[in-house]
């Protein structure tokens, strides 16, 4: 009975292999998080910062429209059905692109 109380009071010994596995898992999680942040980049700063993004109406609710470089120029120059989207217009103007203007 006395021995049982001592065993209940003391933490169970952790084998070195278990500690190594937990440390390795934590290290992999930190590396994965770092790579995810690094690969995410600057959040739309590709192609010299000439990116546009907007939320537009879609058949399933809202959809994200995102384009950089030549795709952004094309989208802003000829928005088509998105011509009335103010968020896209603001995004085009912020990127220095004319909205709804003919390409030249």
C-alpha atoms as a PDB file:
ATOM      1  CA  UNK A   1       0.000   0.000   0.000  1.00  0.00           C
ATOM      2  CA  UNK A   2       2.812   2.432   0.817  1.00  0.00           C
ATOM      3  CA  UNK A   3       4.589   1.551  -2.412  1.00  0.00           C
ATOM      4  CA  UNK A   4       1.405   2.239  -4.390  1.00  0.00           C
ATOM      5  CA  UNK A   5       1.131   5.792  -2.997  1.00  0.00           C
ATOM      6  CA  UNK A   6       4.738   6.499  -3.984  1.00  0.00           C
ATOM      7  CA  UNK A   7       4.117   5.225  -7.512  1.00  0.00           C
ATOM      8  CA  UNK A   8       0.990   7.355  -7.906  1.00  0.00           C
ATOM      9  CA  UNK A   9       2.812  10.466  -6.709  1.00  0.00           C
ATOM     10  CA  UNK A  10       5.764  10.158  -9.087  1.00  0.00           C
ATOM     11  CA  UNK A  11       5.407  10.733 -12.807  1.00  0.00           C
ATOM     12  CA  UNK A  12       5.884   7.773 -15.085  1.00  0.00           C
ATOM     13  CA  UNK A  13       9.352   7.544 -16.584  1.00  0.00           C
ATOM     14  CA  UNK A  14       9.451   8.609 -20.231  1.00  0.00           C
ATOM     15  CA  UNK A  15      11.644   6.419 -22.419  1.00  0.00           C
ATOM     16  CA  UNK A  16      14.297   8.294 -24.407  1.00  0.00           C
ATOM     17  CA  UNK A  17      12.822   7.036 -27.680  1.00  0.00           C
ATOM     18  CA  UNK A  18       9.467   8.666 -26.881  1.00  0.00           C
ATOM     19  CA  UNK A  19      11.149  11.977 -26.040  1.00  0.00           C
ATOM     20  CA  UNK A  20      13.092  11.802 -29.295  1.00  0.00           C
ATOM     21  CA  UNK A  21       9.906  11.173 -31.296  1.00  0.00           C
ATOM     22  CA  UNK A  22       8.109  14.116 -29.679  1.00  0.00           C
ATOM     23  CA  UNK A  23      11.104  16.380 -30.299  1.00  0.00           C
ATOM     24  CA  UNK A  24      11.326  15.266 -33.940  1.00  0.00           C
ATOM     25  CA  UNK A  25       7.598  15.856 -34.469  1.00  0.00           C
ATOM     26  CA  UNK A  26       7.857  19.344 -32.959  1.00  0.00           C
ATOM     27  CA  UNK A  27      10.874  20.142 -35.129  1.00  0.00           C
ATOM     28  CA  UNK A  28       9.081  18.961 -38.280  1.00  0.00           C
ATOM     29  CA  UNK A  29       6.042  21.067 -37.371  1.00  0.00           C
ATOM     30  CA  UNK A  30       8.208  24.177 -36.958  1.00  0.00           C
ATOM     31  CA  UNK A  31      10.020  23.514 -40.254  1.00  0.00           C
ATOM     32  CA  UNK A  32       6.710  22.930 -42.047  1.00  0.00           C
ATOM     33  CA  UNK A  33       5.273  26.151 -40.669  1.00  0.00           C
ATOM     34  CA  UNK A  34       8.376  28.062 -41.717  1.00  0.00           C
ATOM     35  CA  UNK A  35       8.250  26.630 -45.228  1.00  0.00           C
ATOM     36  CA  UNK A  36       4.544  27.387 -45.499  1.00  0.00           C
ATOM     37  CA  UNK A  37       5.135  31.008 -44.563  1.00  0.00           C
ATOM     38  CA  UNK A  38       8.134  31.294 -46.886  1.00  0.00           C
ATOM     39  CA  UNK A  39       6.306  29.762 -49.859  1.00  0.00           C
ATOM     40  CA  UNK A  40       3.212  31.885 -49.280  1.00  0.00           C
ATOM     41  CA  UNK A  41       5.295  34.903 -50.169  1.00  0.00           C
ATOM     42  CA  UNK A  42       4.100  38.442 -49.759  1.00  0.00           C
ATOM     43  CA  UNK A  43       0.432  37.801 -50.298  1.00  0.00           C
ATOM     44  CA  UNK A  44       0.016  39.006 -53.855  1.00  0.00           C
ATOM     45  CA  UNK A  45       3.220  40.927 -54.457  1.00  0.00           C
ATOM     46  CA  UNK A  46       4.274  38.774 -57.424  1.00  0.00           C
ATOM     47  CA  UNK A  47       5.093  40.248 -60.816  1.00  0.00           C
ATOM     48  CA  UNK A  48       6.502  43.481 -59.394  1.00  0.00           C
ATOM     49  CA  UNK A  49       3.482  44.122 -57.187  1.00  0.00           C
ATOM     50  CA  UNK A  50       1.066  44.303 -60.129  1.00  0.00           C
ATOM     51  CA  UNK A  51      -1.594  41.972 -58.740  1.00  0.00           C
ATOM     52  CA  UNK A  52      -5.326  42.453 -58.423  1.00  0.00           C
ATOM     53  CA  UNK A  53      -7.774  40.573 -56.234  1.00  0.00           C
ATOM     54  CA  UNK A  54     -11.479  40.873 -55.539  1.00  0.00           C
ATOM     55  CA  UNK A  55     -14.461  38.927 -54.269  1.00  0.00           C
ATOM     56  CA  UNK A  56     -17.136  38.574 -56.922  1.00  0.00           C
ATOM     57  CA  UNK A  57     -20.621  37.090 -57.106  1.00  0.00           C
ATOM     58  CA  UNK A  58     -20.662  33.457 -58.191  1.00  0.00           C
ATOM     59  CA  UNK A  59     -23.165  30.659 -58.679  1.00  0.00           C
ATOM     60  CA  UNK A  60     -22.106  29.228 -55.329  1.00  0.00           C
ATOM     61  CA  UNK A  61     -22.029  32.533 -53.445  1.00  0.00           C
ATOM     62  CA  UNK A  62     -18.766  34.466 -53.581  1.00  0.00           C
ATOM     63  CA  UNK A  63     -15.590  33.675 -55.468  1.00  0.00           C
ATOM     64  CA  UNK A  64     -12.079  35.083 -55.255  1.00  0.00           C
ATOM     65  CA  UNK A  65     -10.590  36.556 -58.423  1.00  0.00           C
ATOM     66  CA  UNK A  66      -6.812  36.982 -58.337  1.00  0.00           C
ATOM     67  CA  UNK A  67      -4.427  37.792 -61.171  1.00  0.00           C
ATOM     68  CA  UNK A  68      -0.870  39.095 -61.500  1.00  0.00           C
ATOM     69  CA  UNK A  69       1.228  40.503 -64.324  1.00  0.00           C
ATOM     70  CA  UNK A  70      -0.252  40.109 -67.801  1.00  0.00           C
ATOM     71  CA  UNK A  71      -3.335  38.376 -66.370  1.00  0.00           C
ATOM     72  CA  UNK A  72      -4.003  41.430 -64.192  1.00  0.00           C
ATOM     73  CA  UNK A  73      -3.578  43.769 -67.167  1.00  0.00           C
ATOM     74  CA  UNK A  74      -6.028  41.711 -69.223  1.00  0.00           C
ATOM     75  CA  UNK A  75      -8.582  41.451 -66.416  1.00  0.00           C
ATOM     76  CA  UNK A  76      -8.502  45.174 -65.663  1.00  0.00           C
ATOM     77  CA  UNK A  77      -8.548  46.229 -69.313  1.00  0.00           C
ATOM     78  CA  UNK A  78     -11.525  44.021 -70.225  1.00  0.00           C
ATOM     79  CA  UNK A  79     -13.389  43.036 -67.046  1.00  0.00           C
ATOM     80  CA  UNK A  80     -16.405  41.736 -68.985  1.00  0.00           C
ATOM     81  CA  UNK A  81     -19.182  40.727 -66.561  1.00  0.00           C
ATOM     82  CA  UNK A  82     -17.098  42.055 -63.663  1.00  0.00           C
ATOM     83  CA  UNK A  83     -17.243  45.649 -64.971  1.00  0.00           C
ATOM     84  CA  UNK A  84     -19.590  46.709 -62.163  1.00  0.00           C
ATOM     85  CA  UNK A  85     -17.441  45.270 -59.365  1.00  0.00           C
ATOM     86  CA  UNK A  86     -16.138  48.236 -57.367  1.00  0.00           C
ATOM     87  CA  UNK A  87     -13.708  46.102 -55.375  1.00  0.00           C
ATOM     88  CA  UNK A  88     -12.026  44.939 -58.584  1.00  0.00           C
ATOM     89  CA  UNK A  89     -11.959  48.516 -59.899  1.00  0.00           C
ATOM     90  CA  UNK A  90     -10.248  49.712 -56.689  1.00  0.00           C
ATOM     91  CA  UNK A  91      -7.766  46.832 -56.858  1.00  0.00           C
ATOM     92  CA  UNK A  92      -6.909  47.674 -60.479  1.00  0.00           C
ATOM     93  CA  UNK A  93      -6.431  51.348 -59.657  1.00  0.00           C
ATOM     94  CA  UNK A  94      -4.257  50.453 -56.641  1.00  0.00           C
ATOM     95  CA  UNK A  95      -2.037  48.350 -58.938  1.00  0.00           C
ATOM     96  CA  UNK A  96      -1.763  51.293 -61.329  1.00  0.00           C
ATOM     97  CA  UNK A  97      -3.847  49.652 -64.044  1.00  0.00           C
ATOM     98  CA  UNK A  98      -6.698  51.327 -65.923  1.00  0.00           C
ATOM     99  CA  UNK A  99     -10.040  49.624 -65.296  1.00  0.00           C
ATOM    100  CA  UNK A 100     -12.214  48.959 -68.312  1.00  0.00           C
ATOM    101  CA  UNK A 101      -9.909  50.885 -70.631  1.00  0.00           C
ATOM    102  CA  UNK A 102      -8.788  49.523 -73.989  1.00  0.00           C
ATOM    103  CA  UNK A 103      -5.330  47.999 -74.060  1.00  0.00           C
ATOM    104  CA  UNK A 104      -2.758  50.034 -75.817  1.00  0.00           C
END
